N, C-alpha and C. Protein backbone atom coordinates (compact mmCIF):
# COMPACT_ATOMS: atom_id res chain seq x y z
N MET A 1 -6.09 -1.17 8.20
CA MET A 1 -4.84 -1.73 7.80
C MET A 1 -3.89 -0.55 7.70
N LYS A 2 -2.66 -0.94 7.80
CA LYS A 2 -1.57 0.00 8.10
C LYS A 2 -0.29 -0.47 7.20
N LEU A 3 0.35 0.28 6.68
CA LEU A 3 1.46 0.12 5.85
C LEU A 3 2.65 0.26 6.62
N VAL A 4 3.40 -0.77 6.76
CA VAL A 4 4.69 -0.96 7.67
C VAL A 4 5.76 -1.36 6.71
N ASN A 5 6.82 -1.42 7.43
CA ASN A 5 8.26 -1.76 6.46
C ASN A 5 9.28 -2.34 7.48
N SER A 6 10.09 -2.95 6.50
CA SER A 6 11.40 -3.42 7.29
C SER A 6 12.53 -2.68 6.96
N LEU A 7 12.41 -1.52 6.59
CA LEU A 7 13.50 -1.04 5.61
C LEU A 7 14.79 -0.86 6.57
N LYS A 8 14.67 -0.44 7.96
CA LYS A 8 15.75 -0.19 8.66
C LYS A 8 16.51 -1.65 9.02
N LYS A 9 15.68 -2.58 9.13
CA LYS A 9 16.27 -3.84 9.22
C LYS A 9 17.20 -4.42 7.97
N ILE A 10 16.66 -3.80 6.82
CA ILE A 10 17.25 -4.51 5.35
C ILE A 10 18.41 -3.57 5.36
N ARG A 11 18.39 -2.11 5.67
CA ARG A 11 19.61 -1.58 5.72
C ARG A 11 20.82 -2.03 6.49
N PHE A 12 20.54 -2.42 7.72
CA PHE A 12 21.52 -3.17 8.61
C PHE A 12 22.17 -4.47 7.91
N GLU A 13 21.27 -5.14 7.49
CA GLU A 13 21.57 -6.36 6.79
C GLU A 13 22.43 -6.24 5.70
N ASN A 14 22.39 -4.91 4.88
CA ASN A 14 23.23 -4.71 3.77
C ASN A 14 24.28 -3.82 4.03
N ASN A 15 25.28 -4.28 4.81
CA ASN A 15 26.46 -3.53 5.28
C ASN A 15 26.25 -2.14 5.91
N GLU A 16 25.25 -2.22 6.73
CA GLU A 16 24.81 -1.36 7.64
C GLU A 16 24.74 0.15 6.96
N ILE A 17 24.21 0.07 5.72
CA ILE A 17 23.93 1.44 4.75
C ILE A 17 23.45 2.53 5.57
N SER A 18 24.01 3.77 5.52
CA SER A 18 23.24 4.74 6.33
C SER A 18 22.08 5.34 5.64
N GLN A 19 21.11 5.87 6.37
CA GLN A 19 20.11 6.59 5.79
C GLN A 19 20.44 7.54 4.64
N GLN A 20 21.45 8.29 4.92
CA GLN A 20 22.02 9.31 4.05
C GLN A 20 22.57 8.49 2.51
N ASP A 21 23.23 7.61 2.76
CA ASP A 21 23.78 6.84 1.55
C ASP A 21 22.58 6.21 0.51
N LEU A 22 21.54 5.71 1.58
CA LEU A 22 20.31 5.36 0.70
C LEU A 22 19.61 6.56 0.12
N ALA A 23 19.54 7.43 0.95
CA ALA A 23 18.84 8.70 0.27
C ALA A 23 19.48 9.31 -0.94
N ASN A 24 20.80 9.28 -0.97
CA ASN A 24 21.38 9.72 -2.06
C ASN A 24 21.18 8.73 -3.24
N ALA A 25 21.23 7.53 -2.95
CA ALA A 25 21.06 6.57 -4.07
C ALA A 25 19.76 6.62 -4.64
N VAL A 26 18.65 6.99 -4.10
CA VAL A 26 17.49 6.87 -4.59
C VAL A 26 16.95 8.28 -4.66
N GLY A 27 17.54 9.37 -4.57
CA GLY A 27 17.44 10.55 -5.02
C GLY A 27 16.27 11.35 -4.04
N VAL A 28 16.41 11.18 -2.66
CA VAL A 28 15.53 11.75 -1.68
C VAL A 28 16.33 12.37 -0.66
N SER A 29 15.78 13.06 0.35
CA SER A 29 16.65 13.53 1.70
C SER A 29 16.63 12.31 2.67
N ARG A 30 17.76 12.55 3.47
CA ARG A 30 17.87 11.56 4.76
C ARG A 30 16.83 11.38 5.55
N ILE A 31 15.84 12.68 5.74
CA ILE A 31 14.83 12.76 6.40
C ILE A 31 13.67 12.05 5.90
N THR A 32 13.69 11.86 4.46
CA THR A 32 12.40 11.03 4.05
C THR A 32 12.56 9.49 4.12
N ILE A 33 13.89 9.08 4.26
CA ILE A 33 14.10 7.87 4.61
C ILE A 33 14.02 7.56 6.08
N HIS A 34 14.17 8.34 6.95
CA HIS A 34 13.90 8.34 8.44
C HIS A 34 12.43 8.39 8.48
N SER A 35 11.70 9.01 7.83
CA SER A 35 10.19 9.21 8.10
C SER A 35 9.60 7.84 7.23
N ILE A 36 10.04 7.17 6.41
CA ILE A 36 9.57 5.96 6.00
C ILE A 36 9.91 4.86 7.10
N GLU A 37 11.05 4.98 7.54
CA GLU A 37 11.18 3.97 8.39
C GLU A 37 10.25 4.03 9.73
N THR A 38 10.18 5.24 10.28
CA THR A 38 9.63 5.43 11.45
C THR A 38 7.84 5.33 11.21
N GLY A 39 7.41 5.18 10.01
CA GLY A 39 5.93 5.08 9.53
C GLY A 39 5.41 6.43 9.55
N LYS A 40 5.96 7.60 9.53
CA LYS A 40 5.45 8.93 9.50
C LYS A 40 5.21 9.15 7.86
N PHE A 41 5.54 8.48 6.75
CA PHE A 41 5.57 8.87 5.49
C PHE A 41 5.58 7.60 4.88
N ASN A 42 4.41 7.28 3.90
CA ASN A 42 4.39 6.37 3.01
C ASN A 42 4.93 6.85 1.65
N PRO A 43 6.06 6.04 1.21
CA PRO A 43 6.44 6.18 -0.13
C PRO A 43 5.56 6.23 -1.36
N SER A 44 5.94 6.94 -2.34
CA SER A 44 5.19 6.80 -3.49
C SER A 44 5.66 5.16 -4.20
N ALA A 45 4.85 4.87 -5.09
CA ALA A 45 5.08 3.83 -5.67
C ALA A 45 6.38 3.73 -6.35
N LEU A 46 6.77 4.98 -7.14
CA LEU A 46 7.99 4.99 -7.69
C LEU A 46 9.29 4.87 -6.73
N LEU A 47 9.17 5.76 -5.52
CA LEU A 47 10.07 5.66 -4.49
C LEU A 47 10.18 4.26 -3.96
N ALA A 48 9.04 3.62 -3.68
CA ALA A 48 9.30 2.08 -3.08
C ALA A 48 9.90 1.22 -4.20
N LEU A 49 9.52 1.45 -5.51
CA LEU A 49 10.25 0.66 -6.34
C LEU A 49 11.79 0.90 -6.51
N LYS A 50 12.30 2.30 -6.36
CA LYS A 50 13.73 2.63 -6.44
C LYS A 50 14.34 1.90 -5.24
N ILE A 51 13.88 2.00 -3.89
CA ILE A 51 14.26 1.37 -2.73
C ILE A 51 14.71 0.03 -2.97
N ALA A 52 13.55 -0.81 -3.54
CA ALA A 52 13.64 -2.09 -3.62
C ALA A 52 14.69 -2.65 -4.73
N ARG A 53 14.71 -1.83 -5.78
CA ARG A 53 15.67 -2.04 -6.83
C ARG A 53 17.15 -1.80 -6.21
N PHE A 54 17.22 -0.63 -5.47
CA PHE A 54 18.73 -0.59 -4.78
C PHE A 54 19.08 -1.73 -3.82
N PHE A 55 18.07 -2.60 -3.21
CA PHE A 55 18.50 -3.72 -2.41
C PHE A 55 18.44 -4.87 -3.26
N ASN A 56 17.96 -4.91 -4.52
CA ASN A 56 17.69 -6.11 -5.32
C ASN A 56 16.64 -6.96 -4.66
N LEU A 57 15.47 -6.29 -4.26
CA LEU A 57 14.49 -6.96 -3.60
C LEU A 57 13.10 -6.58 -3.94
N THR A 58 12.21 -7.36 -3.97
CA THR A 58 10.70 -6.73 -4.28
C THR A 58 10.17 -5.81 -3.16
N VAL A 59 9.33 -4.93 -3.79
CA VAL A 59 8.64 -4.03 -2.91
C VAL A 59 8.04 -4.88 -1.52
N ASN A 60 7.42 -5.95 -1.95
CA ASN A 60 6.81 -6.81 -0.87
C ASN A 60 7.68 -7.29 0.18
N ASP A 61 8.87 -7.40 -0.31
CA ASP A 61 9.88 -7.80 0.64
C ASP A 61 10.19 -6.72 1.71
N ILE A 62 9.96 -5.57 1.53
CA ILE A 62 10.19 -4.41 2.37
C ILE A 62 9.12 -3.79 2.96
N PHE A 63 7.98 -3.53 2.24
CA PHE A 63 6.71 -2.94 2.60
C PHE A 63 5.51 -4.10 2.59
N PHE A 64 4.83 -4.05 3.63
CA PHE A 64 3.53 -4.96 3.64
C PHE A 64 2.59 -4.17 4.68
N LEU A 65 1.43 -4.63 4.55
CA LEU A 65 0.09 -4.41 5.28
C LEU A 65 0.06 -5.31 6.52
N ILE A 66 -0.45 -4.53 7.54
CA ILE A 66 -0.77 -5.36 8.65
C ILE A 66 -2.22 -4.84 9.04
N ASP A 67 -3.00 -5.69 9.49
CA ASP A 67 -4.39 -5.31 10.00
C ASP A 67 -4.47 -4.67 11.38
N ASP A 68 -5.55 -4.12 11.68
CA ASP A 68 -5.41 -3.47 13.16
C ASP A 68 -5.04 -4.26 14.21
N GLY A 69 -5.16 -5.63 14.22
CA GLY A 69 -4.58 -6.60 15.31
C GLY A 69 -3.22 -6.65 15.24
N GLY A 70 -2.35 -6.21 14.09
CA GLY A 70 -0.70 -6.53 14.08
C GLY A 70 -0.63 -7.61 13.15
N ASP A 71 -1.49 -8.31 12.54
CA ASP A 71 -1.21 -9.26 11.63
C ASP A 71 -0.95 -8.91 10.45
N ARG A 72 0.09 -9.56 9.61
CA ARG A 72 0.27 -9.39 8.21
C ARG A 72 -0.71 -9.75 7.46
């Protein structure tokens, strides 16, 4: 199983907020947001919750598991 996310899509659906603006809002660097979006970094539970709260969504709205075949 692999953790994936729809963070980039959600940023663009919310006034095309930049990676830097999101990073500033949740207290991390822009490269951290980029690394999350590209799947190079899995956020801590605390960071995932901060991101979800920023967008007024649940963690499950942004992050989800896929199996090895690509299914959710």
